[in-house]
């Protein structure tokens, strides 16, 4: 499944729900499905700068693809992390770097995030792309 197909599936899941409290609950449920991050990655070098919440993202590179693992200490941000991993994990560095990330706007999430969460989301996305660039250049 392509990055755009995954984004379209995410959009469809959120479009089926009208009430924003229910959309937040969906986001929380998605985040709760993340596997716990191994303690070895809960260190400062994996901590995302710019997030008010604590978010750790680690990446590995196998057979030309980048695989991400992540965790957050807050439920909404954990849901945001889930969405980013759903879209980007298992992709090539070029796919990650060239992706047009449109699902956040289309589901209306950006306008429903606090400024701090929006900044944190941008910081998480930047780190994911930094990992992809580092693997591409290695």
Protein backbone atom coordinates (compact mmCIF):
# COMPACT_ATOMS: atom_id res chain seq x y z
CA UNK A 1 0.00 0.00 0.00
CA UNK A 2 1.37 3.42 -0.95
CA UNK A 3 1.82 6.37 1.40
CA UNK A 4 -1.12 8.12 -0.25
CA UNK A 5 -3.34 5.04 0.10
CA UNK A 6 -2.52 4.89 3.80
CA UNK A 7 -3.29 8.60 4.16
CA UNK A 8 -6.59 8.08 2.32
CA UNK A 9 -7.49 5.24 4.71
CA UNK A 10 -6.75 7.49 7.68
CA UNK A 11 -8.91 10.24 6.18
CA UNK A 12 -11.74 7.78 5.62
CA UNK A 13 -11.54 6.56 9.23
CA UNK A 14 -11.84 10.11 10.55
CA UNK A 15 -14.48 11.17 8.00
CA UNK A 16 -16.80 8.45 9.31
CA UNK A 17 -16.93 10.30 12.65
CA UNK A 18 -18.59 13.70 12.97
CA UNK A 19 -18.04 14.70 16.60
CA UNK A 20 -14.56 15.94 17.48
CA UNK A 21 -14.63 14.30 20.90
CA UNK A 22 -15.14 10.97 19.13
CA UNK A 23 -12.31 11.79 16.71
CA UNK A 24 -10.03 12.45 19.67
CA UNK A 25 -11.10 9.10 21.12
CA UNK A 26 -10.17 7.40 17.82
CA UNK A 27 -6.79 9.10 17.97
CA UNK A 28 -6.30 7.94 21.57
CA UNK A 29 -7.31 4.38 20.65
CA UNK A 30 -4.82 4.39 17.77
CA UNK A 31 -2.06 5.60 20.06
CA UNK A 32 -2.87 2.94 22.63
CA UNK A 33 -2.25 0.29 19.98
CA UNK A 34 1.44 1.25 19.75
CA UNK A 35 3.83 -1.28 21.18
CA UNK A 36 5.79 0.05 24.15
CA UNK A 37 9.17 1.43 23.21
CA UNK A 38 12.15 -0.47 24.56
CA UNK A 39 13.72 1.36 27.50
CA UNK A 40 17.05 1.61 25.66
CA UNK A 41 15.42 4.19 23.36
CA UNK A 42 13.97 6.32 26.14
CA UNK A 43 17.13 8.38 26.29
CA UNK A 44 17.84 12.03 25.45
CA UNK A 45 19.21 11.30 21.97
CA UNK A 46 15.81 9.87 20.93
CA UNK A 47 13.74 12.57 22.63
CA UNK A 48 12.05 14.98 20.22
CA UNK A 49 12.99 18.62 20.78
CA UNK A 50 10.09 21.03 20.50
CA UNK A 51 7.44 18.78 21.99
CA UNK A 52 5.84 19.81 25.24
CA UNK A 53 5.10 16.12 25.81
CA UNK A 54 7.88 13.60 26.01
CA UNK A 55 8.19 11.78 22.68
CA UNK A 56 10.90 9.35 21.70
CA UNK A 57 11.41 8.13 18.14
CA UNK A 58 13.99 5.58 17.07
CA UNK A 59 14.70 4.39 13.56
CA UNK A 60 16.41 1.41 12.00
CA UNK A 61 17.37 0.77 8.40
CA UNK A 62 16.87 -2.69 6.92
CA UNK A 63 16.93 -3.76 3.29
CA UNK A 64 16.60 -0.21 2.03
CA UNK A 65 13.66 0.71 4.25
CA UNK A 66 13.33 2.80 7.40
CA UNK A 67 11.44 1.36 10.35
CA UNK A 68 10.31 3.55 13.21
CA UNK A 69 9.37 2.89 16.80
CA UNK A 70 8.06 5.56 19.10
CA UNK A 71 6.28 6.35 22.31
CA UNK A 72 4.86 9.38 24.10
CA UNK A 73 3.80 10.04 27.65
CA UNK A 74 0.48 11.66 26.63
CA UNK A 75 -2.43 9.95 24.91
CA UNK A 76 -3.20 12.51 22.18
CA UNK A 77 0.45 12.84 21.15
CA UNK A 78 0.79 9.06 21.21
CA UNK A 79 -2.04 9.00 18.65
CA UNK A 80 -0.23 11.54 16.49
CA UNK A 81 2.92 9.42 16.67
CA UNK A 82 0.88 6.36 15.67
CA UNK A 83 -0.38 8.16 12.56
CA UNK A 84 3.11 9.22 11.51
CA UNK A 85 4.49 5.71 11.99
CA UNK A 86 1.54 4.24 10.10
CA UNK A 87 2.35 6.47 7.12
CA UNK A 88 6.15 6.32 7.15
CA UNK A 89 7.44 3.13 8.79
CA UNK A 90 8.63 0.54 6.28
CA UNK A 91 9.26 3.09 3.52
CA UNK A 92 12.40 3.96 1.62
CA UNK A 93 14.19 7.18 2.54
CA UNK A 94 13.15 8.70 -0.81
CA UNK A 95 9.49 7.87 -0.22
CA UNK A 96 9.64 9.55 3.18
CA UNK A 97 11.46 12.62 1.90
CA UNK A 98 9.21 13.11 -1.13
CA UNK A 99 5.88 12.40 0.56
CA UNK A 100 3.19 15.04 0.48
CA UNK A 101 1.69 14.71 3.95
CA UNK A 102 -1.89 15.86 3.37
CA UNK A 103 -3.95 13.77 5.79
CA UNK A 104 -3.49 16.12 8.77
CA UNK A 105 -5.17 18.98 6.91
CA UNK A 106 -7.84 16.77 5.35
CA UNK A 107 -9.03 15.29 8.65
CA UNK A 108 -9.08 18.76 10.20
CA UNK A 109 -6.60 17.80 12.87
CA UNK A 110 -4.25 20.75 12.45
CA UNK A 111 -6.98 23.24 13.34
CA UNK A 112 -7.99 21.14 16.36
CA UNK A 113 -4.50 20.85 17.84
CA UNK A 114 -3.22 23.28 20.41
CA UNK A 115 -0.27 25.38 19.18
CA UNK A 116 2.08 23.33 21.39
CA UNK A 117 0.83 20.02 19.95
CA UNK A 118 1.03 21.40 16.41
CA UNK A 119 4.64 22.43 17.04
CA UNK A 120 5.36 19.02 18.51
CA UNK A 121 3.81 17.30 15.49
CA UNK A 122 6.02 19.37 13.19
CA UNK A 123 9.07 18.44 15.29
CA UNK A 124 8.19 14.72 15.08
CA UNK A 125 7.77 14.94 11.31
CA UNK A 126 11.08 16.79 10.99
CA UNK A 127 12.88 14.09 13.00
CA UNK A 128 11.37 11.32 10.87
CA UNK A 129 12.58 13.10 7.74
CA UNK A 130 16.00 13.69 9.33
CA UNK A 131 16.32 9.96 9.98
CA UNK A 132 15.35 9.25 6.36
CA UNK A 133 17.90 11.74 5.05
CA UNK A 134 20.64 10.30 7.27
CA UNK A 135 19.92 6.76 6.01
CA UNK A 136 19.79 7.98 2.41
CA UNK A 137 23.21 9.60 2.75
CA UNK A 138 24.84 6.68 4.58
